[in-house]
C-alpha atoms as a PDB file:
ATOM      1  CA  MET A   1       0.000   0.000   0.000  1.00  0.00           C
ATOM      2  CA  SER A   2       1.363   3.399  -0.983  1.00  0.00           C
ATOM      3  CA  ARG A   3       1.787   6.348   1.378  1.00  0.00           C
ATOM      4  CA  ARG A   4      -1.094   8.105  -0.377  1.00  0.00           C
ATOM      5  CA  GLU A   5      -3.417   5.123   0.070  1.00  0.00           C
ATOM      6  CA  ARG A   6      -2.627   4.805   3.773  1.00  0.00           C
ATOM      7  CA  TRP A   7      -4.001   8.322   4.408  1.00  0.00           C
ATOM      8  CA  VAL A   8      -7.224   8.074   2.338  1.00  0.00           C
ATOM      9  CA  ARG A   9     -10.169   8.683   4.690  1.00  0.00           C
ATOM     10  CA  PRO A  10     -12.954   6.063   4.451  1.00  0.00           C
ATOM     11  CA  THR A  11     -16.255   7.303   3.068  1.00  0.00           C
ATOM     12  CA  ILE A  12     -19.886   6.475   3.730  1.00  0.00           C
ATOM     13  CA  LYS A  13     -19.837   4.393   0.538  1.00  0.00           C
ATOM     14  CA  ASP A  14     -16.977   2.294   1.894  1.00  0.00           C
ATOM     15  CA  VAL A  15     -18.968   1.566   5.054  1.00  0.00           C
ATOM     16  CA  ALA A  16     -22.114   0.733   3.073  1.00  0.00           C
ATOM     17  CA  ARG A  17     -20.223  -1.637   0.766  1.00  0.00           C
ATOM     18  CA  GLU A  18     -18.451  -3.377   3.676  1.00  0.00           C
ATOM     19  CA  ALA A  19     -21.643  -3.656   5.741  1.00  0.00           C
ATOM     20  CA  GLY A  20     -23.782  -4.756   2.803  1.00  0.00           C
ATOM     21  CA  VAL A  21     -26.345  -1.974   3.225  1.00  0.00           C
ATOM     22  CA  ALA A  22     -27.403   1.174   1.392  1.00  0.00           C
ATOM     23  CA  THR A  23     -25.598   4.445   2.010  1.00  0.00           C
ATOM     24  CA  SER A  24     -28.888   5.896   3.286  1.00  0.00           C
ATOM     25  CA  THR A  25     -28.924   3.211   5.989  1.00  0.00           C
ATOM     26  CA  VAL A  26     -25.423   4.192   7.093  1.00  0.00           C
ATOM     27  CA  SER A  27     -26.457   7.843   7.193  1.00  0.00           C
ATOM     28  CA  ARG A  28     -29.573   7.131   9.265  1.00  0.00           C
ATOM     29  CA  SER A  29     -27.557   4.959  11.631  1.00  0.00           C
ATOM     30  CA  PHE A  30     -25.696   8.099  12.691  1.00  0.00           C
ATOM     31  CA  THR A  31     -28.318  10.825  12.268  1.00  0.00           C
ATOM     32  CA  ARG A  32     -31.689   9.061  12.720  1.00  0.00           C
ATOM     33  CA  PRO A  33     -30.936   5.911  14.763  1.00  0.00           C
ATOM     34  CA  GLU A  34     -34.599   5.455  15.698  1.00  0.00           C
ATOM     35  CA  ARG A  35     -35.367   4.790  12.026  1.00  0.00           C
ATOM     36  CA  VAL A  36     -32.922   1.868  11.731  1.00  0.00           C
ATOM     37  CA  ASN A  37     -33.314  -1.672  13.019  1.00  0.00           C
ATOM     38  CA  LYS A  38     -31.248  -2.045  16.200  1.00  0.00           C
ATOM     39  CA  GLY A  39     -29.264  -5.004  14.917  1.00  0.00           C
ATOM     40  CA  THR A  40     -28.552  -3.323  11.588  1.00  0.00           C
ATOM     41  CA  ARG A  41     -27.411  -0.141  13.305  1.00  0.00           C
ATOM     42  CA  GLU A  42     -25.055  -2.019  15.621  1.00  0.00           C
ATOM     43  CA  HIS A  43     -23.583  -3.845  12.623  1.00  0.00           C
ATOM     44  CA  VAL A  44     -23.095  -0.563  10.712  1.00  0.00           C
ATOM     45  CA  LEU A  45     -21.432   1.120  13.693  1.00  0.00           C
ATOM     46  CA  LEU A  46     -19.043  -1.792  14.183  1.00  0.00           C
ATOM     47  CA  VAL A  47     -18.039  -1.700  10.514  1.00  0.00           C
ATOM     48  CA  ALA A  48     -17.603   2.083  10.661  1.00  0.00           C
ATOM     49  CA  GLU A  49     -15.394   1.799  13.745  1.00  0.00           C
ATOM     50  CA  ARG A  50     -13.269  -0.930  12.147  1.00  0.00           C
ATOM     51  CA  LEU A  51     -12.760   1.181   9.007  1.00  0.00           C
ATOM     52  CA  GLY A  52     -12.058   4.337  10.998  1.00  0.00           C
ATOM     53  CA  TYR A  53     -15.058   6.158   9.538  1.00  0.00           C
ATOM     54  CA  ALA A  54     -16.620   9.216  11.197  1.00  0.00           C
ATOM     55  CA  PRO A  55     -19.517  11.204   9.733  1.00  0.00           C
ATOM     56  CA  ASN A  56     -18.718  14.509   8.064  1.00  0.00           C
ATOM     57  CA  PRO A  57     -19.980  17.234  10.455  1.00  0.00           C
ATOM     58  CA  ALA A  58     -21.064  19.471   7.582  1.00  0.00           C
ATOM     59  CA  ALA A  59     -23.036  16.671   5.983  1.00  0.00           C
ATOM     60  CA  ARG A  60     -24.687  15.815   9.294  1.00  0.00           C
ATOM     61  CA  ALA A  61     -25.637  19.443   9.757  1.00  0.00           C
ATOM     62  CA  LEU A  62     -27.351  19.496   6.364  1.00  0.00           C
ATOM     63  CA  GLU A  63     -29.363  16.393   7.251  1.00  0.00           C
ATOM     64  CA  THR A  64     -30.315  17.242  10.819  1.00  0.00           C
ATOM     65  CA  GLY A  65     -30.360  21.033  10.727  1.00  0.00           C
ATOM     66  CA  ARG A  66     -27.950  21.061  13.672  1.00  0.00           C
ATOM     67  CA  SER A  67     -24.196  21.552  13.675  1.00  0.00           C
ATOM     68  CA  HIS A  68     -23.663  20.577  17.343  1.00  0.00           C
ATOM     69  CA  THR A  69     -21.544  23.711  17.585  1.00  0.00           C
ATOM     70  CA  VAL A  70     -21.808  26.705  19.913  1.00  0.00           C
ATOM     71  CA  ALA A  71     -19.871  29.937  19.352  1.00  0.00           C
ATOM     72  CA  LEU A  72     -18.438  31.905  22.271  1.00  0.00           C
ATOM     73  CA  LEU A  73     -17.475  35.519  21.493  1.00  0.00           C
ATOM     74  CA  VAL A  74     -15.351  37.561  23.921  1.00  0.00           C
ATOM     75  CA  PRO A  75     -14.128  41.184  23.621  1.00  0.00           C
ATOM     76  CA  ASP A  76     -10.468  40.451  24.387  1.00  0.00           C
ATOM     77  CA  ILE A  77      -9.054  36.944  24.407  1.00  0.00           C
ATOM     78  CA  THR A  78      -5.858  38.183  26.110  1.00  0.00           C
ATOM     79  CA  ASN A  79      -7.778  39.375  29.186  1.00  0.00           C
ATOM     80  CA  PRO A  80      -7.448  36.641  31.851  1.00  0.00           C
ATOM     81  CA  TYR A  81     -10.996  37.371  33.029  1.00  0.00           C
ATOM     82  CA  PHE A  82     -12.343  35.528  30.008  1.00  0.00           C
ATOM     83  CA  SER A  83     -10.227  32.416  30.630  1.00  0.00           C
ATOM     84  CA  GLY A  84     -12.689  31.364  33.318  1.00  0.00           C
ATOM     85  CA  VAL A  85     -15.666  31.910  31.023  1.00  0.00           C
ATOM     86  CA  ILE A  86     -13.934  29.950  28.244  1.00  0.00           C
ATOM     87  CA  LYS A  87     -12.989  27.097  30.587  1.00  0.00           C
ATOM     88  CA  GLY A  88     -16.501  26.738  31.967  1.00  0.00           C
ATOM     89  CA  ALA A  89     -18.068  26.947  28.512  1.00  0.00           C
ATOM     90  CA  GLU A  90     -15.678  24.357  27.063  1.00  0.00           C
ATOM     91  CA  ARG A  91     -16.388  21.874  29.859  1.00  0.00           C
ATOM     92  CA  ALA A  92     -20.134  22.277  29.448  1.00  0.00           C
ATOM     93  CA  ALA A  93     -19.889  21.917  25.666  1.00  0.00           C
ATOM     94  CA  HIS A  94     -17.818  18.746  25.992  1.00  0.00           C
ATOM     95  CA  SER A  95     -20.298  17.233  28.432  1.00  0.00           C
ATOM     96  CA  ALA A  96     -23.143  17.976  26.015  1.00  0.00           C
ATOM     97  CA  GLY A  97     -21.311  16.569  22.979  1.00  0.00           C
ATOM     98  CA  LEU A  98     -20.919  20.008  21.427  1.00  0.00           C
ATOM     99  CA  THR A  99     -17.990  21.745  19.766  1.00  0.00           C
ATOM    100  CA  LEU A 100     -17.111  25.201  21.090  1.00  0.00           C
ATOM    101  CA  VAL A 101     -15.912  27.837  18.603  1.00  0.00           C
ATOM    102  CA  LEU A 102     -14.118  30.846  20.104  1.00  0.00           C
ATOM    103  CA  GLY A 103     -14.047  34.334  18.607  1.00  0.00           C
ATOM    104  CA  ASP A 104     -12.222  37.510  19.705  1.00  0.00           C
ATOM    105  CA  THR A 105     -14.209  40.667  18.875  1.00  0.00           C
ATOM    106  CA  GLN A 106     -11.323  42.981  19.892  1.00  0.00           C
ATOM    107  CA  GLU A 107     -13.579  45.365  21.864  1.00  0.00           C
ATOM    108  CA  ASN A 108     -15.144  46.289  18.511  1.00  0.00           C
ATOM    109  CA  PRO A 109     -18.985  46.225  18.202  1.00  0.00           C
ATOM    110  CA  SER A 110     -18.778  46.242  14.392  1.00  0.00           C
ATOM    111  CA  LEU A 111     -16.513  43.185  14.379  1.00  0.00           C
ATOM    112  CA  GLU A 112     -18.810  41.451  16.864  1.00  0.00           C
ATOM    113  CA  ALA A 113     -21.782  42.061  14.553  1.00  0.00           C
ATOM    114  CA  GLN A 114     -19.805  40.691  11.592  1.00  0.00           C
ATOM    115  CA  MET A 115     -18.929  37.524  13.501  1.00  0.00           C
ATOM    116  CA  LEU A 116     -22.561  36.995  14.451  1.00  0.00           C
ATOM    117  CA  GLY A 117     -23.545  37.312  10.802  1.00  0.00           C
ATOM    118  CA  ARG A 118     -20.836  34.968   9.497  1.00  0.00           C
ATOM    119  CA  LEU A 119     -21.172  32.289  12.161  1.00  0.00           C
ATOM    120  CA  GLY A 120     -24.951  32.397  12.555  1.00  0.00           C
ATOM    121  CA  PRO A 121     -25.773  29.867   9.799  1.00  0.00           C
ATOM    122  CA  ALA A 122     -23.057  27.467  11.008  1.00  0.00           C
ATOM    123  CA  VAL A 123     -23.789  27.197  14.753  1.00  0.00           C
ATOM    124  CA  ASP A 124     -26.651  26.096  16.970  1.00  0.00           C
ATOM    125  CA  GLY A 125     -26.318  29.077  19.301  1.00  0.00           C
ATOM    126  CA  PHE A 126     -24.143  31.853  20.706  1.00  0.00           C
ATOM    127  CA  VAL A 127     -22.697  32.746  24.071  1.00  0.00           C
ATOM    128  CA  LEU A 128     -21.728  36.423  24.069  1.00  0.00           C
ATOM    129  CA  SER A 129     -19.505  37.471  26.946  1.00  0.00           C
ATOM    130  CA  ALA A 130     -19.506  41.197  27.783  1.00  0.00           C
ATOM    131  CA  SER A 131     -21.133  42.018  24.440  1.00  0.00           C
ATOM    132  CA  ARG A 132     -20.654  45.610  23.237  1.00  0.00           C
ATOM    133  CA  LEU A 133     -23.675  45.552  20.894  1.00  0.00           C
ATOM    134  CA  PRO A 134     -26.874  47.571  21.388  1.00  0.00           C
ATOM    135  CA  ASP A 135     -29.913  45.721  22.730  1.00  0.00           C
ATOM    136  CA  ALA A 136     -31.699  45.873  19.357  1.00  0.00           C
ATOM    137  CA  ASP A 137     -28.794  44.133  17.585  1.00  0.00           C
ATOM    138  CA  LEU A 138     -28.714  41.402  20.227  1.00  0.00           C
ATOM    139  CA  GLU A 139     -32.447  40.846  19.884  1.00  0.00           C
ATOM    140  CA  ALA A 140     -32.071  40.494  16.106  1.00  0.00           C
ATOM    141  CA  ALA A 141     -29.197  38.015  16.497  1.00  0.00           C
ATOM    142  CA  ALA A 142     -31.343  35.823  18.772  1.00  0.00           C
ATOM    143  CA  ARG A 143     -34.156  35.350  16.260  1.00  0.00           C
ATOM    144  CA  PRO A 144     -32.642  32.512  14.190  1.00  0.00           C
ATOM    145  CA  VAL A 145     -30.588  30.822  16.963  1.00  0.00           C
ATOM    146  CA  PRO A 146     -30.436  30.974  20.775  1.00  0.00           C
ATOM    147  CA  VAL A 147     -28.221  33.731  22.210  1.00  0.00           C
ATOM    148  CA  VAL A 148     -27.202  33.734  25.875  1.00  0.00           C
ATOM    149  CA  LEU A 149     -25.329  36.648  27.415  1.00  0.00           C
ATOM    150  CA  VAL A 150     -22.592  36.565  30.056  1.00  0.00           C
ATOM    151  CA  ASN A 151     -21.759  39.710  32.036  1.00  0.00           C
ATOM    152  CA  ARG A 152     -24.495  41.543  30.163  1.00  0.00           C
ATOM    153  CA  ALA A 153     -28.295  41.699  30.222  1.00  0.00           C
ATOM    154  CA  ALA A 154     -30.722  42.738  27.482  1.00  0.00           C
ATOM    155  CA  PRO A 155     -34.521  42.624  27.182  1.00  0.00           C
ATOM    156  CA  GLY A 156     -35.881  39.301  25.953  1.00  0.00           C
ATOM    157  CA  LEU A 157     -32.573  37.393  26.225  1.00  0.00           C
ATOM    158  CA  GLU A 158     -31.316  34.894  28.758  1.00  0.00           C
ATOM    159  CA  SER A 159     -28.233  36.064  30.635  1.00  0.00           C
ATOM    160  CA  VAL A 160     -25.800  35.145  33.384  1.00  0.00           C
ATOM    161  CA  VAL A 161     -24.534  38.132  35.380  1.00  0.00           C
ATOM    162  CA  SER A 162     -22.684  38.883  38.600  1.00  0.00           C
ATOM    163  CA  ASP A 163     -24.353  40.422  41.631  1.00  0.00           C
ATOM    164  CA  PHE A 164     -22.868  43.897  41.291  1.00  0.00           C
ATOM    165  CA  ASP A 165     -25.364  45.427  43.706  1.00  0.00           C
ATOM    166  CA  SER A 166     -23.998  43.357  46.571  1.00  0.00           C
ATOM    167  CA  GLY A 167     -20.434  43.490  45.235  1.00  0.00           C
ATOM    168  CA  THR A 168     -20.206  47.252  44.970  1.00  0.00           C
ATOM    169  CA  GLN A 169     -21.687  47.568  48.456  1.00  0.00           C
ATOM    170  CA  GLN A 170     -18.893  45.300  49.734  1.00  0.00           C
ATOM    171  CA  ILE A 171     -16.285  47.574  48.142  1.00  0.00           C
ATOM    172  CA  VAL A 172     -17.748  50.773  49.576  1.00  0.00           C
ATOM    173  CA  ASP A 173     -18.213  49.230  53.029  1.00  0.00           C
ATOM    174  CA  HIS A 174     -14.563  48.156  52.955  1.00  0.00           C
ATOM    175  CA  LEU A 175     -13.332  51.630  52.023  1.00  0.00           C
ATOM    176  CA  ALA A 176     -15.572  53.300  54.606  1.00  0.00           C
ATOM    177  CA  SER A 177     -14.256  50.987  57.317  1.00  0.00           C
ATOM    178  CA  LEU A 178     -10.737  52.187  56.457  1.00  0.00           C
ATOM    179  CA  GLY A 179     -11.710  55.825  56.918  1.00  0.00           C
ATOM    180  CA  HIS A 180     -12.019  56.851  53.268  1.00  0.00           C
ATOM    181  CA  ARG A 181     -14.527  59.647  52.695  1.00  0.00           C
ATOM    182  CA  SER A 182     -14.348  59.660  48.907  1.00  0.00           C
ATOM    183  CA  PHE A 183     -13.226  57.522  45.990  1.00  0.00           C
ATOM    184  CA  VAL A 184     -12.680  57.803  42.238  1.00  0.00           C
ATOM    185  CA  PHE A 185     -14.021  55.217  39.783  1.00  0.00           C
ATOM    186  CA  LEU A 186     -11.766  54.727  36.760  1.00  0.00           C
ATOM    187  CA  GLY A 187     -14.256  53.625  34.128  1.00  0.00           C
ATOM    188  CA  GLY A 188     -13.863  51.248  31.196  1.00  0.00           C
ATOM    189  CA  PRO A 189     -15.433  51.266  27.706  1.00  0.00           C
ATOM    190  CA  ALA A 190     -18.515  53.432  27.262  1.00  0.00           C
ATOM    191  CA  GLU A 191     -20.362  50.440  25.723  1.00  0.00           C
ATOM    192  CA  SER A 192     -19.675  48.182  28.726  1.00  0.00           C
ATOM    193  CA  TRP A 193     -22.930  47.090  30.391  1.00  0.00           C
ATOM    194  CA  SER A 194     -21.076  45.759  33.429  1.00  0.00           C
ATOM    195  CA  GLY A 195     -19.099  48.998  33.711  1.00  0.00           C
ATOM    196  CA  ALA A 196     -22.324  50.989  33.878  1.00  0.00           C
ATOM    197  CA  ARG A 197     -23.726  48.624  36.501  1.00  0.00           C
ATOM    198  CA  ARG A 198     -20.555  48.848  38.580  1.00  0.00           C
ATOM    199  CA  TRP A 199     -20.587  52.641  38.531  1.00  0.00           C
ATOM    200  CA  ALA A 200     -24.303  52.799  39.371  1.00  0.00           C
ATOM    201  CA  GLY A 201     -23.788  50.384  42.266  1.00  0.00           C
ATOM    202  CA  LEU A 202     -20.767  52.276  43.593  1.00  0.00           C
ATOM    203  CA  ARG A 203     -22.583  55.626  43.475  1.00  0.00           C
ATOM    204  CA  ALA A 204     -25.637  54.216  45.261  1.00  0.00           C
ATOM    205  CA  ALA A 205     -23.509  52.491  47.916  1.00  0.00           C
ATOM    206  CA  GLY A 206     -21.461  55.667  48.341  1.00  0.00           C
ATOM    207  CA  ARG A 207     -24.591  57.697  49.007  1.00  0.00           C
ATOM    208  CA  ARG A 208     -25.741  55.195  51.610  1.00  0.00           C
ATOM    209  CA  ARG A 209     -22.390  55.343  53.408  1.00  0.00           C
ATOM    210  CA  GLY A 210     -21.799  59.067  52.940  1.00  0.00           C
ATOM    211  CA  LEU A 211     -18.803  58.684  50.592  1.00  0.00           C
ATOM    212  CA  LYS A 212     -18.282  61.079  47.716  1.00  0.00           C
ATOM    213  CA  ALA A 213     -17.945  59.261  44.362  1.00  0.00           C
ATOM    214  CA  ARG A 214     -16.417  60.643  41.189  1.00  0.00           C
ATOM    215  CA  ARG A 215     -15.953  58.969  37.797  1.00  0.00           C
ATOM    216  CA  LEU A 216     -13.078  59.419  35.348  1.00  0.00           C
ATOM    217  CA  GLY A 217     -12.746  57.841  31.914  1.00  0.00           C
ATOM    218  CA  PRO A 218     -13.555  55.963  29.785  1.00  0.00           C
ATOM    219  CA  TYR A 219     -10.273  54.041  29.556  1.00  0.00           C
ATOM    220  CA  LEU A 220      -9.321  50.896  27.699  1.00  0.00           C
ATOM    221  CA  PRO A 221      -9.741  47.951  30.113  1.00  0.00           C
ATOM    222  CA  THR A 222      -6.067  47.022  29.706  1.00  0.00           C
ATOM    223  CA  VAL A 223      -2.763  47.517  31.517  1.00  0.00           C
ATOM    224  CA  SER A 224      -1.838  50.300  29.077  1.00  0.00           C
ATOM    225  CA  GLY A 225      -5.191  51.953  29.725  1.00  0.00           C
ATOM    226  CA  GLY A 226      -4.352  51.967  33.418  1.00  0.00           C
ATOM    227  CA  LEU A 227      -1.283  54.137  32.842  1.00  0.00           C
ATOM    228  CA  ALA A 228      -3.354  57.084  31.594  1.00  0.00           C
ATOM    229  CA  ALA A 229      -6.008  56.435  34.238  1.00  0.00           C
ATOM    230  CA  ALA A 230      -3.411  56.688  37.009  1.00  0.00           C
ATOM    231  CA  ASP A 231      -2.213  60.072  35.760  1.00  0.00           C
ATOM    232  CA  ALA A 232      -5.799  61.356  35.767  1.00  0.00           C
ATOM    233  CA  ALA A 233      -6.314  60.000  39.279  1.00  0.00           C
ATOM    234  CA  VAL A 234      -3.214  61.783  40.574  1.00  0.00           C
ATOM    235  CA  ALA A 235      -4.521  65.010  39.038  1.00  0.00           C
ATOM    236  CA  ALA A 236      -7.847  64.484  40.851  1.00  0.00           C
ATOM    237  CA  GLY A 237      -6.053  65.297  44.101  1.00  0.00           C
ATOM    238  CA  ALA A 238      -7.877  65.004  47.408  1.00  0.00           C
ATOM    239  CA  ASP A 239     -10.811  63.034  45.943  1.00  0.00           C
ATOM    240  CA  ALA A 240      -8.508  60.155  45.092  1.00  0.00           C
ATOM    241  CA  THR A 241      -7.633  58.587  48.449  1.00  0.00           C
ATOM    242  CA  ALA A 242      -9.131  55.412  46.932  1.00  0.00           C
ATOM    243  CA  LEU A 243      -9.293  54.305  43.306  1.00  0.00           C
ATOM    244  CA  VAL A 244     -11.826  51.714  42.164  1.00  0.00           C
ATOM    245  CA  CYS A 245     -10.916  50.406  38.705  1.00  0.00           C
ATOM    246  CA  HIS A 246     -13.218  49.030  35.998  1.00  0.00           C
ATOM    247  CA  ASN A 247     -11.307  45.743  35.998  1.00  0.00           C
ATOM    248  CA  ASP A 248      -8.101  44.155  37.285  1.00  0.00           C
ATOM    249  CA  MET A 249      -6.179  44.736  34.056  1.00  0.00           C
ATOM    250  CA  LEU A 250      -6.793  48.465  34.367  1.00  0.00           C
ATOM    251  CA  ALA A 251      -5.916  48.299  38.084  1.00  0.00           C
ATOM    252  CA  ILE A 252      -2.591  46.586  37.371  1.00  0.00           C
ATOM    253  CA  GLY A 253      -1.689  49.384  34.950  1.00  0.00           C
ATOM    254  CA  VAL A 254      -2.683  51.914  37.616  1.00  0.00           C
ATOM    255  CA  LEU A 255      -0.446  50.233  40.195  1.00  0.00           C
ATOM    256  CA  ARG A 256       2.471  50.192  37.752  1.00  0.00           C
ATOM    257  CA  ARG A 257       2.113  53.880  36.916  1.00  0.00           C
ATOM    258  CA  LEU A 258       1.652  54.974  40.532  1.00  0.00           C
ATOM    259  CA  ALA A 259       4.838  53.142  41.489  1.00  0.00           C
ATOM    260  CA  ALA A 260       6.731  54.891  38.681  1.00  0.00           C
ATOM    261  CA  ARG A 261       5.510  58.245  39.976  1.00  0.00           C
ATOM    262  CA  GLY A 262       6.486  57.487  43.576  1.00  0.00           C
ATOM    263  CA  VAL A 263       2.907  57.241  44.836  1.00  0.00           C
ATOM    264  CA  ARG A 264       2.732  54.594  47.552  1.00  0.00           C
ATOM    265  CA  VAL A 265      -0.051  51.998  47.626  1.00  0.00           C
ATOM    266  CA  PRO A 266      -1.850  51.756  49.992  1.00  0.00           C
ATOM    267  CA  GLU A 267      -0.140  54.409  52.167  1.00  0.00           C
ATOM    268  CA  ASP A 268      -0.969  57.308  49.814  1.00  0.00           C
ATOM    269  CA  VAL A 269      -3.873  55.803  47.903  1.00  0.00           C
ATOM    270  CA  SER A 270      -5.829  52.534  47.963  1.00  0.00           C
ATOM    271  CA  VAL A 271      -6.583  50.631  44.750  1.00  0.00           C
ATOM    272  CA  VAL A 272      -9.450  48.167  44.171  1.00  0.00           C
ATOM    273  CA  GLY A 273     -10.302  46.172  41.043  1.00  0.00           C
ATOM    274  CA  PHE A 274     -13.013  43.921  39.635  1.00  0.00           C
ATOM    275  CA  ASP A 275     -12.730  40.293  38.396  1.00  0.00           C
ATOM    276  CA  ASP A 276     -10.010  38.664  40.588  1.00  0.00           C
ATOM    277  CA  ILE A 277      -7.927  37.423  37.652  1.00  0.00           C
ATOM    278  CA  PHE A 278      -5.140  35.012  38.603  1.00  0.00           C
ATOM    279  CA  THR A 279      -2.415  37.673  38.518  1.00  0.00           C
ATOM    280  CA  SER A 280      -4.213  39.857  41.069  1.00  0.00           C
ATOM    281  CA  ALA A 281      -2.780  37.892  43.983  1.00  0.00           C
ATOM    282  CA  LEU A 282       0.714  37.710  42.438  1.00  0.00           C
ATOM    283  CA  ILE A 283       1.505  41.388  41.802  1.00  0.00           C
ATOM    284  CA  SER A 284       3.019  43.699  44.409  1.00  0.00           C
ATOM    285  CA  PRO A 285       1.130  44.975  46.230  1.00  0.00           C
ATOM    286  CA  SER A 286      -1.441  42.229  45.781  1.00  0.00           C
ATOM    287  CA  LEU A 287      -4.737  43.620  44.531  1.00  0.00           C
ATOM    288  CA  THR A 288      -7.946  43.944  46.504  1.00  0.00           C
ATOM    289  CA  THR A 289     -10.660  42.992  44.021  1.00  0.00           C
ATOM    290  CA  LEU A 290     -14.220  41.766  43.626  1.00  0.00           C
ATOM    291  CA  ALA A 291     -14.206  38.106  42.596  1.00  0.00           C
ATOM    292  CA  GLU A 292     -16.775  36.820  40.107  1.00  0.00           C
ATOM    293  CA  ARG A 293     -17.684  33.215  39.293  1.00  0.00           C
ATOM    294  CA  THR A 294     -16.597  33.339  35.670  1.00  0.00           C
ATOM    295  CA  GLU A 295     -16.203  29.601  35.137  1.00  0.00           C
ATOM    296  CA  GLU A 296     -19.678  28.922  36.469  1.00  0.00           C
ATOM    297  CA  ALA A 297     -21.034  31.696  34.257  1.00  0.00           C
ATOM    298  CA  GLY A 298     -19.537  30.096  31.133  1.00  0.00           C
ATOM    299  CA  ARG A 299     -20.878  26.683  32.104  1.00  0.00           C
ATOM    300  CA  ARG A 300     -24.390  27.949  32.784  1.00  0.00           C
ATOM    301  CA  ALA A 301     -24.491  29.910  29.539  1.00  0.00           C
ATOM    302  CA  VAL A 302     -23.695  26.877  27.356  1.00  0.00           C
ATOM    303  CA  GLU A 303     -26.166  24.731  29.281  1.00  0.00           C
ATOM    304  CA  THR A 304     -28.812  27.393  28.683  1.00  0.00           C
ATOM    305  CA  VAL A 305     -28.091  27.439  24.936  1.00  0.00           C
ATOM    306  CA  ARG A 306     -28.479  23.654  24.926  1.00  0.00           C
ATOM    307  CA  ARG A 307     -31.862  23.857  26.659  1.00  0.00           C
ATOM    308  CA  HIS A 308     -33.061  26.493  24.218  1.00  0.00           C
ATOM    309  CA  GLU A 309     -32.392  24.185  21.280  1.00  0.00           C
ATOM    310  CA  LEU A 310     -35.211  22.029  22.637  1.00  0.00           C
ATOM    311  CA  GLN A 311     -37.622  24.770  23.700  1.00  0.00           C
ATOM    312  CA  ARG A 312     -37.269  28.527  23.964  1.00  0.00           C
ATOM    313  CA  PRO A 313     -38.609  29.938  27.232  1.00  0.00           C
ATOM    314  CA  ALA A 314     -41.571  32.297  27.231  1.00  0.00           C
ATOM    315  CA  ASP A 315     -39.949  34.382  29.951  1.00  0.00           C
ATOM    316  CA  PRO A 316     -36.146  34.688  29.565  1.00  0.00           C
ATOM    317  CA  MET A 317     -34.334  34.487  32.885  1.00  0.00           C
ATOM    318  CA  VAL A 318     -31.435  36.487  34.313  1.00  0.00           C
ATOM    319  CA  GLN A 319     -29.215  34.218  36.405  1.00  0.00           C
ATOM    320  CA  VAL A 320     -27.381  36.214  39.088  1.00  0.00           C
ATOM    321  CA  LEU A 321     -24.171  34.775  40.560  1.00  0.00           C
ATOM    322  CA  PRO A 322     -22.714  35.869  43.932  1.00  0.00           C
ATOM    323  CA  THR A 323     -19.591  38.019  44.207  1.00  0.00           C
ATOM    324  CA  GLU A 324     -16.972  38.174  46.967  1.00  0.00           C
ATOM    325  CA  LEU A 325     -14.510  40.923  47.877  1.00  0.00           C
ATOM    326  CA  ARG A 326     -10.965  39.574  48.147  1.00  0.00           C
ATOM    327  CA  ILE A 327      -9.116  41.918  50.503  1.00  0.00           C
ATOM    328  CA  ARG A 328      -5.381  42.130  49.843  1.00  0.00           C
ATOM    329  CA  ASP A 329      -2.491  44.572  50.255  1.00  0.00           C
ATOM    330  CA  SER A 330      -3.536  47.324  47.824  1.00  0.00           C
ATOM    331  CA  SER A 331      -6.200  48.746  50.152  1.00  0.00           C
ATOM    332  CA  GLY A 332      -5.466  50.331  53.511  1.00  0.00           C
ATOM    333  CA  PRO A 333      -6.415  53.174  55.878  1.00  0.00           C
ATOM    334  CA  ALA A 334      -7.132  56.567  54.371  1.00  0.00           C
ATOM    335  CA  PRO A 335      -4.068  58.849  54.541  1.00  0.00           C
ATOM    336  CA  VAL A 336      -4.127  61.467  57.280  1.00  0.00           C
ATOM    337  CA  PRO A 337      -4.386  64.998  55.763  1.00  0.00           C
END
């Protein structure tokens, strides 16, 4: 046998010929097993296994109308926050016999919309993590296939979000207990739903505790974005005894820039983040941050897509996951004037 022959993939015709059945019987054995005699199907599957045959996914999709594929879109694949979402989604997809396709929208709503359009005909559903699209665009995307949101909510769509009301209250309570009378929120992208919720929660909690809250930004939710945010915070002066950052990536950039400028953390200013990415406990000083259950969010989102393939709910549900403030070295008592 030649090298070329050794690598020829067996076809459905090869299985049919070897099993002594029609090609349609082989096809139904994989895609419509209930329509094939049990003994015949077992015989076909044994022959297919012996020959090393596996059905073509594209062909199966044409026959069944399902690709057994779910697409997960994230704004920035380099942000460690999304690693938890990806891990949870992948595990859930594997358990359900689905293939997970990952897309990076690069914080660009236009690119996200393009990906939805291109992938829509090829997948059974979408999980959109921290989507930057308007509600109307999300509603339109959910008409042909199920769409489940993570870290975002929109009317008429299922979503999995963090409890920012409780989480922001934890942050403000922590700062108040350390004697801070004001704080500055360094905001992320203007399109960020979670960013808006975080700011709204911080302002409301600040009013309840008598802390003055001020917002600066928007800034890119990256380490480089944190450099500019830190300069703005220093310029804010007395208001900035505590800085609450849109996410941990921004907070790490803030810490780096403050150190370069000789501003001590937490002696001169406290810094708090959101997300609790794995590097938050490793940097110096270690970062106080609000931890979210990202892996569970990814898992629940894929499971919800799977359920929707069977029956779409009349009343879409928002699943709210608990948050927990992880207190570390970057937050401390307010400086004495």
